[in-house]
Amino acid sequence: MKLRGYTLVELLVSTAIILILTIAVGNTIVASLHVQAMHADRVAMSRSASELAARLSEEARSSTAVFIPSTDITGNPNTGPNGPHEVDFFRRLSAGGNAFVAYGFDASSGEVTRYEYSSTSGAKTVSAQDLAASAIGSFSVRREHVADAGPIVGQKDPPSVTILYGSPELAGGNDVVVADIAAQTSSGVPSHLYVIHLASRVAPTSLAILAPKSPPLTPPTTHVFPFVILRPGFPIHPPHGPIHGGSPGGPPSLIHWVAAPGSIEFLQPGPVNWFDFTQAFGSVQNGTYSFRQPDGTLATVSISCASGPCPAFRPAPLNAPALTPPGGVAFQLSSP
């Protein structure tokens, strides 16, 4: 039997096929690795932008004011193709003094740097700085009225409140600074745009209350009546006449049948209606009493006696003109 081997042509053809397959597989592997690398770079850049957004939000929540300076930390105008490229945060320290932080964007390097600085007479002195984010494609900030930044619970159009901390530029309040952040474009694929609303903490240091101006409250109408509390059977006191001084154990000016003098004060919007008060309370002493009138309004009555605690009496005025104080009323003890 005669064995037949490969011819030179067959060997060259098979070698070429193997080479073509090897190149095809290698190109596929290289393309796959390139796609994975681009995806990893895109994820890393997006992560850097999202971490910067989170860092800015945390910075705002611990600040007394968020503001946009007219000049950046380097002394150059705070401008850019899309708006200001730096946002600053102001803190009033509880131990006294002020602290400032700035986040500045360098478009040439794509980096956002965090600066800690002090400000004296407008001069800024940087004390520390660190890289906050890299691979940033765009960074700009703008100031918006609180109503334009989003819906506010219970307020359709809340008024804008501005608080100045030493200069017109260093302004806080309830306005919102909006930061637009995007990572660099990767392989022609645009990155996600992060829109962050930066607002300072609700209660800045040294500030008690922020509230819209309201009209002054109208105090309720006050009616004050002097009164005397008479003992039962006051018109007849034999063997003396109807008016007789010298009550046992009392001052000479106090007539026998007067238990106590005092005053009664009504706080209510309209005229005094003794019948409503009597219907609400059959017997009263010194103190404060409140009751609802037929029209639904609330009336408050304050009772006090000149010589100490008032004895219990019926709050129904008596017809005793000889004993009633001028402009006042007379009552009778609830019991002898």
C-alpha atoms as a PDB file:
ATOM      1  CA  MET A   1       0.000   0.000   0.000  1.00  0.00           C
ATOM      2  CA  LYS A   2       1.351   3.341  -0.959  1.00  0.00           C
ATOM      3  CA  LEU A   3       0.924   6.254   1.582  1.00  0.00           C
ATOM      4  CA  ARG A   4       0.097   9.681   0.242  1.00  0.00           C
ATOM      5  CA  GLY A   5       1.105  12.899   2.216  1.00  0.00           C
ATOM      6  CA  TYR A   6      -0.035  16.529   1.931  1.00  0.00           C
ATOM      7  CA  THR A   7       1.053  18.478  -1.046  1.00  0.00           C
ATOM      8  CA  LEU A   8       2.650  21.883  -0.619  1.00  0.00           C
ATOM      9  CA  VAL A   9      -0.484  23.606  -1.878  1.00  0.00           C
ATOM     10  CA  GLU A  10      -2.692  21.790   0.638  1.00  0.00           C
ATOM     11  CA  LEU A  11      -0.313  22.667   3.460  1.00  0.00           C
ATOM     12  CA  LEU A  12      -0.288  26.335   2.509  1.00  0.00           C
ATOM     13  CA  VAL A  13      -4.077  26.471   2.256  1.00  0.00           C
ATOM     14  CA  SER A  14      -4.600  24.811   5.661  1.00  0.00           C
ATOM     15  CA  THR A  15      -2.008  27.091   7.261  1.00  0.00           C
ATOM     16  CA  ALA A  16      -3.735  30.159   5.793  1.00  0.00           C
ATOM     17  CA  ILE A  17      -7.116  29.016   7.122  1.00  0.00           C
ATOM     18  CA  ILE A  18      -5.725  28.455  10.603  1.00  0.00           C
ATOM     19  CA  LEU A  19      -4.034  31.878  10.510  1.00  0.00           C
ATOM     20  CA  ILE A  20      -7.249  33.598   9.431  1.00  0.00           C
ATOM     21  CA  LEU A  21      -9.207  31.898  12.201  1.00  0.00           C
ATOM     22  CA  THR A  22      -6.575  32.827  14.764  1.00  0.00           C
ATOM     23  CA  ILE A  23      -6.597  36.481  13.663  1.00  0.00           C
ATOM     24  CA  ALA A  24     -10.431  36.562  13.777  1.00  0.00           C
ATOM     25  CA  VAL A  25     -10.532  35.103  17.277  1.00  0.00           C
ATOM     26  CA  GLY A  26      -7.781  37.494  18.426  1.00  0.00           C
ATOM     27  CA  ASN A  27      -9.617  40.522  17.016  1.00  0.00           C
ATOM     28  CA  THR A  28     -12.793  39.434  18.792  1.00  0.00           C
ATOM     29  CA  ILE A  29     -10.952  39.096  22.075  1.00  0.00           C
ATOM     30  CA  VAL A  30      -9.244  42.476  21.641  1.00  0.00           C
ATOM     31  CA  ALA A  31     -12.538  44.183  20.752  1.00  0.00           C
ATOM     32  CA  SER A  32     -14.242  42.616  23.750  1.00  0.00           C
ATOM     33  CA  LEU A  33     -11.458  43.735  26.067  1.00  0.00           C
ATOM     34  CA  HIS A  34     -11.603  47.228  24.563  1.00  0.00           C
ATOM     35  CA  VAL A  35     -15.358  47.432  25.132  1.00  0.00           C
ATOM     36  CA  GLN A  36     -14.954  46.258  28.715  1.00  0.00           C
ATOM     37  CA  ALA A  37     -12.220  48.835  29.304  1.00  0.00           C
ATOM     38  CA  MET A  38     -14.386  51.632  27.862  1.00  0.00           C
ATOM     39  CA  HIS A  39     -17.310  50.480  29.979  1.00  0.00           C
ATOM     40  CA  ALA A  40     -15.139  50.423  33.095  1.00  0.00           C
ATOM     41  CA  ASP A  41     -13.833  53.911  32.319  1.00  0.00           C
ATOM     42  CA  ARG A  42     -17.374  55.178  31.744  1.00  0.00           C
ATOM     43  CA  VAL A  43     -18.565  53.645  35.015  1.00  0.00           C
ATOM     44  CA  ALA A  44     -15.599  55.119  36.869  1.00  0.00           C
ATOM     45  CA  MET A  45     -16.250  58.586  35.458  1.00  0.00           C
ATOM     46  CA  SER A  46     -19.954  58.339  36.226  1.00  0.00           C
ATOM     47  CA  ARG A  47     -19.153  57.173  39.745  1.00  0.00           C
ATOM     48  CA  SER A  48     -16.855  60.150  40.232  1.00  0.00           C
ATOM     49  CA  ALA A  49     -19.638  62.538  39.179  1.00  0.00           C
ATOM     50  CA  SER A  50     -22.242  60.855  41.409  1.00  0.00           C
ATOM     51  CA  GLU A  51     -19.861  60.853  44.386  1.00  0.00           C
ATOM     52  CA  LEU A  52     -19.223  64.558  43.836  1.00  0.00           C
ATOM     53  CA  ALA A  53     -22.993  65.182  43.810  1.00  0.00           C
ATOM     54  CA  ALA A  54     -23.385  63.294  47.103  1.00  0.00           C
ATOM     55  CA  ARG A  55     -20.460  65.154  48.628  1.00  0.00           C
ATOM     56  CA  LEU A  56     -21.920  68.539  47.690  1.00  0.00           C
ATOM     57  CA  SER A  57     -25.296  67.601  49.205  1.00  0.00           C
ATOM     58  CA  GLU A  58     -23.648  66.600  52.489  1.00  0.00           C
ATOM     59  CA  GLU A  59     -21.654  69.823  52.477  1.00  0.00           C
ATOM     60  CA  ALA A  60     -24.821  71.895  52.081  1.00  0.00           C
ATOM     61  CA  ARG A  61     -26.676  70.110  54.878  1.00  0.00           C
ATOM     62  CA  SER A  62     -23.973  71.096  57.370  1.00  0.00           C
ATOM     63  CA  SER A  63     -23.683  74.701  56.182  1.00  0.00           C
ATOM     64  CA  THR A  64     -25.197  77.917  57.397  1.00  0.00           C
ATOM     65  CA  ALA A  65     -25.379  79.321  53.851  1.00  0.00           C
ATOM     66  CA  VAL A  66     -24.695  78.184  50.277  1.00  0.00           C
ATOM     67  CA  PHE A  67     -23.632  81.009  47.956  1.00  0.00           C
ATOM     68  CA  ILE A  68     -22.027  81.736  44.583  1.00  0.00           C
ATOM     69  CA  PRO A  69     -19.082  84.172  44.838  1.00  0.00           C
ATOM     70  CA  SER A  70     -18.376  86.709  42.101  1.00  0.00           C
ATOM     71  CA  THR A  71     -14.689  85.690  42.019  1.00  0.00           C
ATOM     72  CA  ASP A  72     -13.337  82.173  42.472  1.00  0.00           C
ATOM     73  CA  ILE A  73     -10.764  81.025  44.996  1.00  0.00           C
ATOM     74  CA  THR A  74      -7.928  82.005  42.633  1.00  0.00           C
ATOM     75  CA  GLY A  75      -9.204  85.561  42.288  1.00  0.00           C
ATOM     76  CA  ASN A  76     -10.527  85.130  38.740  1.00  0.00           C
ATOM     77  CA  PRO A  77     -14.110  85.879  37.679  1.00  0.00           C
ATOM     78  CA  ASN A  78     -16.447  83.050  38.633  1.00  0.00           C
ATOM     79  CA  THR A  79     -17.796  82.485  35.129  1.00  0.00           C
ATOM     80  CA  GLY A  80     -17.922  79.695  32.566  1.00  0.00           C
ATOM     81  CA  PRO A  81     -19.615  78.677  29.316  1.00  0.00           C
ATOM     82  CA  ASN A  82     -22.609  77.307  31.252  1.00  0.00           C
ATOM     83  CA  GLY A  83     -22.469  79.618  34.280  1.00  0.00           C
ATOM     84  CA  PRO A  84     -20.361  80.031  37.422  1.00  0.00           C
ATOM     85  CA  HIS A  85     -17.856  77.213  37.960  1.00  0.00           C
ATOM     86  CA  GLU A  86     -17.494  77.519  41.754  1.00  0.00           C
ATOM     87  CA  VAL A  87     -19.895  77.139  44.668  1.00  0.00           C
ATOM     88  CA  ASP A  88     -19.010  78.089  48.251  1.00  0.00           C
ATOM     89  CA  PHE A  89     -20.321  77.013  51.650  1.00  0.00           C
ATOM     90  CA  PHE A  90     -20.320  79.152  54.795  1.00  0.00           C
ATOM     91  CA  ARG A  91     -20.462  77.825  58.352  1.00  0.00           C
ATOM     92  CA  ARG A  92     -20.906  79.796  61.551  1.00  0.00           C
ATOM     93  CA  LEU A  93     -19.077  77.732  64.142  1.00  0.00           C
ATOM     94  CA  SER A  94     -20.740  77.056  67.501  1.00  0.00           C
ATOM     95  CA  ALA A  95     -17.470  77.859  69.301  1.00  0.00           C
ATOM     96  CA  GLY A  96     -17.249  81.219  67.521  1.00  0.00           C
ATOM     97  CA  GLY A  97     -15.775  82.257  64.189  1.00  0.00           C
ATOM     98  CA  ASN A  98     -16.554  81.429  60.575  1.00  0.00           C
ATOM     99  CA  ALA A  99     -15.404  78.718  58.182  1.00  0.00           C
ATOM    100  CA  PHE A 100     -15.559  78.618  54.386  1.00  0.00           C
ATOM    101  CA  VAL A 101     -15.365  75.787  51.829  1.00  0.00           C
ATOM    102  CA  ALA A 102     -15.215  76.165  48.034  1.00  0.00           C
ATOM    103  CA  TYR A 103     -15.655  73.614  45.238  1.00  0.00           C
ATOM    104  CA  GLY A 104     -13.977  74.895  42.062  1.00  0.00           C
ATOM    105  CA  PHE A 105     -14.015  73.278  38.598  1.00  0.00           C
ATOM    106  CA  ASP A 106     -11.052  73.392  36.190  1.00  0.00           C
ATOM    107  CA  ALA A 107     -12.362  72.694  32.700  1.00  0.00           C
ATOM    108  CA  SER A 108      -8.875  72.087  31.263  1.00  0.00           C
ATOM    109  CA  SER A 109      -8.128  69.182  33.614  1.00  0.00           C
ATOM    110  CA  GLY A 110     -11.682  68.062  34.291  1.00  0.00           C
ATOM    111  CA  GLU A 111     -11.038  68.191  38.041  1.00  0.00           C
ATOM    112  CA  VAL A 112     -13.100  69.644  40.905  1.00  0.00           C
ATOM    113  CA  THR A 113     -11.017  70.729  43.889  1.00  0.00           C
ATOM    114  CA  ARG A 114     -12.274  71.314  47.416  1.00  0.00           C
ATOM    115  CA  TYR A 115     -10.713  74.283  49.220  1.00  0.00           C
ATOM    116  CA  GLU A 116     -10.930  75.217  52.884  1.00  0.00           C
ATOM    117  CA  TYR A 117     -10.258  78.919  53.348  1.00  0.00           C
ATOM    118  CA  SER A 118     -10.731  81.910  55.626  1.00  0.00           C
ATOM    119  CA  SER A 119     -11.922  85.333  54.552  1.00  0.00           C
ATOM    120  CA  THR A 120     -10.716  88.559  56.136  1.00  0.00           C
ATOM    121  CA  SER A 121     -11.777  91.901  54.656  1.00  0.00           C
ATOM    122  CA  GLY A 122     -12.550  90.147  51.376  1.00  0.00           C
ATOM    123  CA  ALA A 123      -9.120  88.481  51.143  1.00  0.00           C
ATOM    124  CA  LYS A 124      -9.275  84.668  50.903  1.00  0.00           C
ATOM    125  CA  THR A 125      -6.547  82.510  52.462  1.00  0.00           C
ATOM    126  CA  VAL A 126      -6.531  78.796  51.566  1.00  0.00           C
ATOM    127  CA  SER A 127      -5.672  76.537  54.499  1.00  0.00           C
ATOM    128  CA  ALA A 128      -6.209  73.125  52.846  1.00  0.00           C
ATOM    129  CA  GLN A 129      -7.250  71.615  49.530  1.00  0.00           C
ATOM    130  CA  ASP A 130      -7.883  68.172  48.071  1.00  0.00           C
ATOM    131  CA  LEU A 131      -9.134  66.601  44.838  1.00  0.00           C
ATOM    132  CA  ALA A 132     -12.892  66.115  45.107  1.00  0.00           C
ATOM    133  CA  ALA A 133     -13.540  64.583  41.654  1.00  0.00           C
ATOM    134  CA  SER A 134     -11.855  63.952  38.316  1.00  0.00           C
ATOM    135  CA  ALA A 135     -13.010  63.201  34.761  1.00  0.00           C
ATOM    136  CA  ILE A 136     -15.739  65.837  35.068  1.00  0.00           C
ATOM    137  CA  GLY A 137     -16.982  67.121  31.727  1.00  0.00           C
ATOM    138  CA  SER A 138     -19.056  70.046  32.936  1.00  0.00           C
ATOM    139  CA  PHE A 139     -19.795  71.739  36.256  1.00  0.00           C
ATOM    140  CA  SER A 140     -21.912  74.867  36.703  1.00  0.00           C
ATOM    141  CA  VAL A 141     -24.098  76.396  39.416  1.00  0.00           C
ATOM    142  CA  ARG A 142     -26.995  78.822  39.504  1.00  0.00           C
ATOM    143  CA  ARG A 143     -29.221  80.354  42.181  1.00  0.00           C
ATOM    144  CA  GLU A 144     -32.993  79.818  42.023  1.00  0.00           C
ATOM    145  CA  HIS A 145     -35.971  81.082  43.977  1.00  0.00           C
ATOM    146  CA  VAL A 146     -37.287  78.370  46.304  1.00  0.00           C
ATOM    147  CA  ALA A 147     -40.600  78.163  44.405  1.00  0.00           C
ATOM    148  CA  ASP A 148     -38.797  77.593  41.081  1.00  0.00           C
ATOM    149  CA  ALA A 149     -36.662  74.759  42.450  1.00  0.00           C
ATOM    150  CA  GLY A 150     -39.590  72.411  43.066  1.00  0.00           C
ATOM    151  CA  PRO A 151     -42.923  72.010  44.887  1.00  0.00           C
ATOM    152  CA  ILE A 152     -43.052  73.062  48.538  1.00  0.00           C
ATOM    153  CA  VAL A 153     -45.475  71.318  50.896  1.00  0.00           C
ATOM    154  CA  GLY A 154     -48.244  73.665  51.997  1.00  0.00           C
ATOM    155  CA  GLN A 155     -46.909  76.613  49.987  1.00  0.00           C
ATOM    156  CA  LYS A 156     -47.938  77.374  46.428  1.00  0.00           C
ATOM    157  CA  ASP A 157     -45.615  80.355  46.076  1.00  0.00           C
ATOM    158  CA  PRO A 158     -43.506  80.780  49.244  1.00  0.00           C
ATOM    159  CA  PRO A 159     -41.864  84.186  49.716  1.00  0.00           C
ATOM    160  CA  SER A 160     -38.126  84.436  49.180  1.00  0.00           C
ATOM    161  CA  VAL A 161     -36.219  84.995  52.434  1.00  0.00           C
ATOM    162  CA  THR A 162     -32.641  86.301  52.217  1.00  0.00           C
ATOM    163  CA  ILE A 163     -30.222  86.429  55.143  1.00  0.00           C
ATOM    164  CA  LEU A 164     -26.997  88.404  54.772  1.00  0.00           C
ATOM    165  CA  TYR A 165     -23.960  87.300  56.760  1.00  0.00           C
ATOM    166  CA  GLY A 166     -21.715  90.340  56.555  1.00  0.00           C
ATOM    167  CA  SER A 167     -21.909  91.126  52.823  1.00  0.00           C
ATOM    168  CA  PRO A 168     -24.452  91.112  49.968  1.00  0.00           C
ATOM    169  CA  GLU A 169     -22.539  88.280  48.305  1.00  0.00           C
ATOM    170  CA  LEU A 170     -22.548  86.049  51.388  1.00  0.00           C
ATOM    171  CA  ALA A 171     -26.291  85.421  51.355  1.00  0.00           C
ATOM    172  CA  GLY A 172     -28.290  82.568  52.813  1.00  0.00           C
ATOM    173  CA  GLY A 173     -31.998  82.014  53.292  1.00  0.00           C
ATOM    174  CA  ASN A 174     -34.473  79.742  51.583  1.00  0.00           C
ATOM    175  CA  ASP A 175     -33.249  80.155  47.992  1.00  0.00           C
ATOM    176  CA  VAL A 176     -31.643  77.084  46.379  1.00  0.00           C
ATOM    177  CA  VAL A 177     -28.312  76.766  44.568  1.00  0.00           C
ATOM    178  CA  VAL A 178     -28.639  74.264  41.708  1.00  0.00           C
ATOM    179  CA  ALA A 179     -25.495  72.428  40.541  1.00  0.00           C
ATOM    180  CA  ASP A 180     -25.369  70.734  37.108  1.00  0.00           C
ATOM    181  CA  ILE A 181     -22.672  68.017  36.956  1.00  0.00           C
ATOM    182  CA  ALA A 182     -21.755  65.686  34.070  1.00  0.00           C
ATOM    183  CA  ALA A 183     -18.873  63.281  33.600  1.00  0.00           C
ATOM    184  CA  GLN A 184     -16.637  63.468  30.549  1.00  0.00           C
ATOM    185  CA  THR A 185     -17.894  61.938  27.301  1.00  0.00           C
ATOM    186  CA  SER A 186     -16.539  58.428  26.791  1.00  0.00           C
ATOM    187  CA  SER A 187     -16.122  57.053  23.227  1.00  0.00           C
ATOM    188  CA  GLY A 188     -18.756  59.430  21.934  1.00  0.00           C
ATOM    189  CA  VAL A 189     -21.353  58.297  24.470  1.00  0.00           C
ATOM    190  CA  PRO A 190     -22.763  61.262  26.450  1.00  0.00           C
ATOM    191  CA  SER A 191     -22.729  60.925  30.229  1.00  0.00           C
ATOM    192  CA  HIS A 192     -25.580  61.297  32.704  1.00  0.00           C
ATOM    193  CA  LEU A 193     -26.375  64.837  33.882  1.00  0.00           C
ATOM    194  CA  TYR A 194     -26.732  65.196  37.655  1.00  0.00           C
ATOM    195  CA  VAL A 195     -28.902  68.100  38.852  1.00  0.00           C
ATOM    196  CA  ILE A 196     -28.330  68.733  42.580  1.00  0.00           C
ATOM    197  CA  HIS A 197     -30.341  71.158  44.741  1.00  0.00           C
ATOM    198  CA  LEU A 198     -28.144  72.621  47.457  1.00  0.00           C
ATOM    199  CA  ALA A 199     -29.909  74.195  50.442  1.00  0.00           C
ATOM    200  CA  SER A 200     -28.429  75.070  53.821  1.00  0.00           C
ATOM    201  CA  ARG A 201     -29.705  73.482  57.006  1.00  0.00           C
ATOM    202  CA  VAL A 202     -33.146  74.609  58.168  1.00  0.00           C
ATOM    203  CA  ALA A 203     -32.062  76.440  61.352  1.00  0.00           C
ATOM    204  CA  PRO A 204     -28.838  78.407  60.837  1.00  0.00           C
ATOM    205  CA  THR A 205     -26.778  79.193  63.930  1.00  0.00           C
ATOM    206  CA  SER A 206     -27.869  82.369  65.781  1.00  0.00           C
ATOM    207  CA  LEU A 207     -31.231  82.385  63.993  1.00  0.00           C
ATOM    208  CA  ALA A 208     -34.380  81.655  65.975  1.00  0.00           C
ATOM    209  CA  ILE A 209     -37.341  81.841  63.604  1.00  0.00           C
ATOM    210  CA  LEU A 210     -37.930  82.650  59.940  1.00  0.00           C
ATOM    211  CA  ALA A 211     -41.562  83.547  59.318  1.00  0.00           C
ATOM    212  CA  PRO A 212     -43.487  85.761  56.908  1.00  0.00           C
ATOM    213  CA  LYS A 213     -44.684  89.065  58.292  1.00  0.00           C
ATOM    214  CA  SER A 214     -48.207  88.846  59.671  1.00  0.00           C
ATOM    215  CA  PRO A 215     -50.586  91.604  60.769  1.00  0.00           C
ATOM    216  CA  PRO A 216     -50.615  92.354  64.511  1.00  0.00           C
ATOM    217  CA  LEU A 217     -53.220  90.539  66.544  1.00  0.00           C
ATOM    218  CA  THR A 218     -56.148  92.609  67.803  1.00  0.00           C
ATOM    219  CA  PRO A 219     -56.453  92.239  71.575  1.00  0.00           C
ATOM    220  CA  PRO A 220     -59.893  91.176  72.816  1.00  0.00           C
ATOM    221  CA  THR A 221     -62.272  93.748  74.232  1.00  0.00           C
ATOM    222  CA  THR A 222     -61.962  94.094  78.019  1.00  0.00           C
ATOM    223  CA  HIS A 223     -64.849  94.925  80.343  1.00  0.00           C
ATOM    224  CA  VAL A 224     -64.081  95.426  84.040  1.00  0.00           C
ATOM    225  CA  PHE A 225     -66.824  95.768  86.679  1.00  0.00           C
ATOM    226  CA  PRO A 226     -66.330  96.381  90.426  1.00  0.00           C
ATOM    227  CA  PHE A 227     -68.646  94.257  92.543  1.00  0.00           C
ATOM    228  CA  VAL A 228     -69.746  93.446  96.074  1.00  0.00           C
ATOM    229  CA  ILE A 229     -70.869  90.054  97.319  1.00  0.00           C
ATOM    230  CA  LEU A 230     -73.849  90.393  99.657  1.00  0.00           C
ATOM    231  CA  ARG A 231     -74.998  87.992 102.294  1.00  0.00           C
ATOM    232  CA  PRO A 232     -78.509  86.495 101.966  1.00  0.00           C
ATOM    233  CA  GLY A 233     -81.282  88.753 103.270  1.00  0.00           C
ATOM    234  CA  PHE A 234     -79.237  91.927 102.754  1.00  0.00           C
ATOM    235  CA  PRO A 235     -82.203  94.383 102.559  1.00  0.00           C
ATOM    236  CA  ILE A 236     -83.340  93.637 106.128  1.00  0.00           C
ATOM    237  CA  HIS A 237     -80.991  93.680 109.110  1.00  0.00           C
ATOM    238  CA  PRO A 238     -82.883  94.522 112.339  1.00  0.00           C
ATOM    239  CA  PRO A 239     -82.555  96.427 114.490  1.00  0.00           C
ATOM    240  CA  HIS A 240     -80.370  98.568 112.174  1.00  0.00           C
ATOM    241  CA  GLY A 241     -81.257 100.261 108.925  1.00  0.00           C
ATOM    242  CA  PRO A 242     -80.530  98.891 105.464  1.00  0.00           C
ATOM    243  CA  ILE A 243     -77.042 100.475 105.398  1.00  0.00           C
ATOM    244  CA  HIS A 244     -74.964  99.989 108.515  1.00  0.00           C
ATOM    245  CA  GLY A 245     -71.213  99.688 109.021  1.00  0.00           C
ATOM    246  CA  GLY A 246     -69.172  97.771 111.538  1.00  0.00           C
ATOM    247  CA  SER A 247     -69.314  94.101 110.615  1.00  0.00           C
ATOM    248  CA  PRO A 248     -67.971  91.897 113.431  1.00  0.00           C
ATOM    249  CA  GLY A 249     -64.354  91.047 112.716  1.00  0.00           C
ATOM    250  CA  GLY A 250     -64.229  93.336 109.675  1.00  0.00           C
ATOM    251  CA  PRO A 251     -63.160  96.904 108.952  1.00  0.00           C
ATOM    252  CA  PRO A 252     -65.526  99.687 110.059  1.00  0.00           C
ATOM    253  CA  SER A 253     -66.168 100.630 106.420  1.00  0.00           C
ATOM    254  CA  LEU A 254     -67.546  97.167 105.587  1.00  0.00           C
ATOM    255  CA  ILE A 255     -71.305  97.033 106.098  1.00  0.00           C
ATOM    256  CA  HIS A 256     -72.811  94.037 107.862  1.00  0.00           C
ATOM    257  CA  TRP A 257     -74.204  92.233 104.849  1.00  0.00           C
ATOM    258  CA  VAL A 258     -71.249  92.726 102.482  1.00  0.00           C
ATOM    259  CA  ALA A 259     -69.201  89.508 102.351  1.00  0.00           C
ATOM    260  CA  ALA A 260     -66.439  90.815 100.060  1.00  0.00           C
ATOM    261  CA  PRO A 261     -65.718  93.545  97.496  1.00  0.00           C
ATOM    262  CA  GLY A 262     -63.819  92.787  94.278  1.00  0.00           C
ATOM    263  CA  SER A 263     -63.756  93.115  90.516  1.00  0.00           C
ATOM    264  CA  ILE A 264     -64.775  90.947  87.570  1.00  0.00           C
ATOM    265  CA  GLU A 265     -63.149  91.229  84.129  1.00  0.00           C
ATOM    266  CA  PHE A 266     -64.641  89.990  80.839  1.00  0.00           C
ATOM    267  CA  LEU A 267     -62.409  89.270  77.813  1.00  0.00           C
ATOM    268  CA  GLN A 268     -64.698  88.926  74.817  1.00  0.00           C
ATOM    269  CA  PRO A 269     -65.224  90.675  71.478  1.00  0.00           C
ATOM    270  CA  GLY A 270     -68.801  91.876  72.082  1.00  0.00           C
ATOM    271  CA  PRO A 271     -70.901  93.300  74.904  1.00  0.00           C
ATOM    272  CA  VAL A 272     -71.233  91.442  78.204  1.00  0.00           C
ATOM    273  CA  ASN A 273     -74.221  89.138  78.565  1.00  0.00           C
ATOM    274  CA  TRP A 274     -74.615  88.238  82.250  1.00  0.00           C
ATOM    275  CA  PHE A 275     -77.268  85.664  81.442  1.00  0.00           C
ATOM    276  CA  ASP A 276     -74.800  83.573  79.356  1.00  0.00           C
ATOM    277  CA  PHE A 277     -72.274  83.641  82.204  1.00  0.00           C
ATOM    278  CA  THR A 278     -74.902  82.656  84.793  1.00  0.00           C
ATOM    279  CA  GLN A 279     -76.149  79.837  82.580  1.00  0.00           C
ATOM    280  CA  ALA A 280     -72.607  78.493  82.206  1.00  0.00           C
ATOM    281  CA  PHE A 281     -71.711  78.704  85.922  1.00  0.00           C
ATOM    282  CA  GLY A 282     -74.219  78.553  88.768  1.00  0.00           C
ATOM    283  CA  SER A 283     -71.596  79.331  91.422  1.00  0.00           C
ATOM    284  CA  VAL A 284     -68.100  80.841  91.108  1.00  0.00           C
ATOM    285  CA  GLN A 285     -65.184  82.015  93.246  1.00  0.00           C
ATOM    286  CA  ASN A 286     -61.991  83.879  92.504  1.00  0.00           C
ATOM    287  CA  GLY A 287     -60.180  82.577  89.410  1.00  0.00           C
ATOM    288  CA  THR A 288     -60.554  82.409  85.623  1.00  0.00           C
ATOM    289  CA  TYR A 289     -63.572  80.949  83.818  1.00  0.00           C
ATOM    290  CA  SER A 290     -64.139  80.361  80.093  1.00  0.00           C
ATOM    291  CA  PHE A 291     -67.391  79.583  78.326  1.00  0.00           C
ATOM    292  CA  ARG A 292     -68.782  79.418  74.808  1.00  0.00           C
ATOM    293  CA  GLN A 293     -71.337  82.067  73.878  1.00  0.00           C
ATOM    294  CA  PRO A 294     -74.390  81.347  71.689  1.00  0.00           C
ATOM    295  CA  ASP A 295     -72.646  82.785  68.596  1.00  0.00           C
ATOM    296  CA  GLY A 296     -69.738  80.374  69.082  1.00  0.00           C
ATOM    297  CA  THR A 297     -67.191  82.913  70.342  1.00  0.00           C
ATOM    298  CA  LEU A 298     -65.192  82.182  73.471  1.00  0.00           C
ATOM    299  CA  ALA A 299     -65.445  84.477  76.502  1.00  0.00           C
ATOM    300  CA  THR A 300     -63.052  84.491  79.448  1.00  0.00           C
ATOM    301  CA  VAL A 301     -63.918  85.885  82.881  1.00  0.00           C
ATOM    302  CA  SER A 302     -61.375  86.702  85.595  1.00  0.00           C
ATOM    303  CA  ILE A 303     -62.612  87.206  89.182  1.00  0.00           C
ATOM    304  CA  SER A 304     -60.672  88.547  92.184  1.00  0.00           C
ATOM    305  CA  CYS A 305     -61.565  89.952  95.611  1.00  0.00           C
ATOM    306  CA  ALA A 306     -59.783  92.806  97.374  1.00  0.00           C
ATOM    307  CA  SER A 307     -59.462  91.140 100.777  1.00  0.00           C
ATOM    308  CA  GLY A 308     -58.322  87.661  99.661  1.00  0.00           C
ATOM    309  CA  PRO A 309     -60.047  84.612  98.172  1.00  0.00           C
ATOM    310  CA  CYS A 310     -63.614  85.202  97.092  1.00  0.00           C
ATOM    311  CA  PRO A 311     -66.359  83.178  98.786  1.00  0.00           C
ATOM    312  CA  ALA A 312     -68.615  81.175  96.486  1.00  0.00           C
ATOM    313  CA  PHE A 313     -71.354  83.356  94.964  1.00  0.00           C
ATOM    314  CA  ARG A 314     -73.975  83.258  92.251  1.00  0.00           C
ATOM    315  CA  PRO A 315     -72.836  85.338  89.197  1.00  0.00           C
ATOM    316  CA  ALA A 316     -76.304  86.838  88.664  1.00  0.00           C
ATOM    317  CA  PRO A 317     -76.438  90.642  89.262  1.00  0.00           C
ATOM    318  CA  LEU A 318     -78.835  91.762  92.013  1.00  0.00           C
ATOM    319  CA  ASN A 319     -81.021  94.834  92.139  1.00  0.00           C
ATOM    320  CA  ALA A 320     -79.403  96.651  95.065  1.00  0.00           C
ATOM    321  CA  PRO A 321     -78.733 100.239  93.943  1.00  0.00           C
ATOM    322  CA  ALA A 322     -77.841 101.456  97.442  1.00  0.00           C
ATOM    323  CA  LEU A 323     -75.056  98.906  97.794  1.00  0.00           C
ATOM    324  CA  THR A 324     -73.864  98.499  94.195  1.00  0.00           C
ATOM    325  CA  PRO A 325     -70.524 100.255  93.419  1.00  0.00           C
ATOM    326  CA  PRO A 326     -70.669 102.951  90.693  1.00  0.00           C
ATOM    327  CA  GLY A 327     -70.541 101.244  87.308  1.00  0.00           C
ATOM    328  CA  GLY A 328     -70.504  97.859  88.997  1.00  0.00           C
ATOM    329  CA  VAL A 329     -72.740  95.023  90.103  1.00  0.00           C
ATOM    330  CA  ALA A 330     -73.835  93.210  93.276  1.00  0.00           C
ATOM    331  CA  PHE A 331     -73.935  89.450  93.780  1.00  0.00           C
ATOM    332  CA  GLN A 332     -75.181  87.192  96.551  1.00  0.00           C
ATOM    333  CA  LEU A 333     -73.393  84.412  98.421  1.00  0.00           C
ATOM    334  CA  SER A 334     -74.252  80.921  97.254  1.00  0.00           C
ATOM    335  CA  SER A 335     -74.929  79.992 100.934  1.00  0.00           C
ATOM    336  CA  PRO A 336     -75.104  81.975 104.212  1.00  0.00           C
END
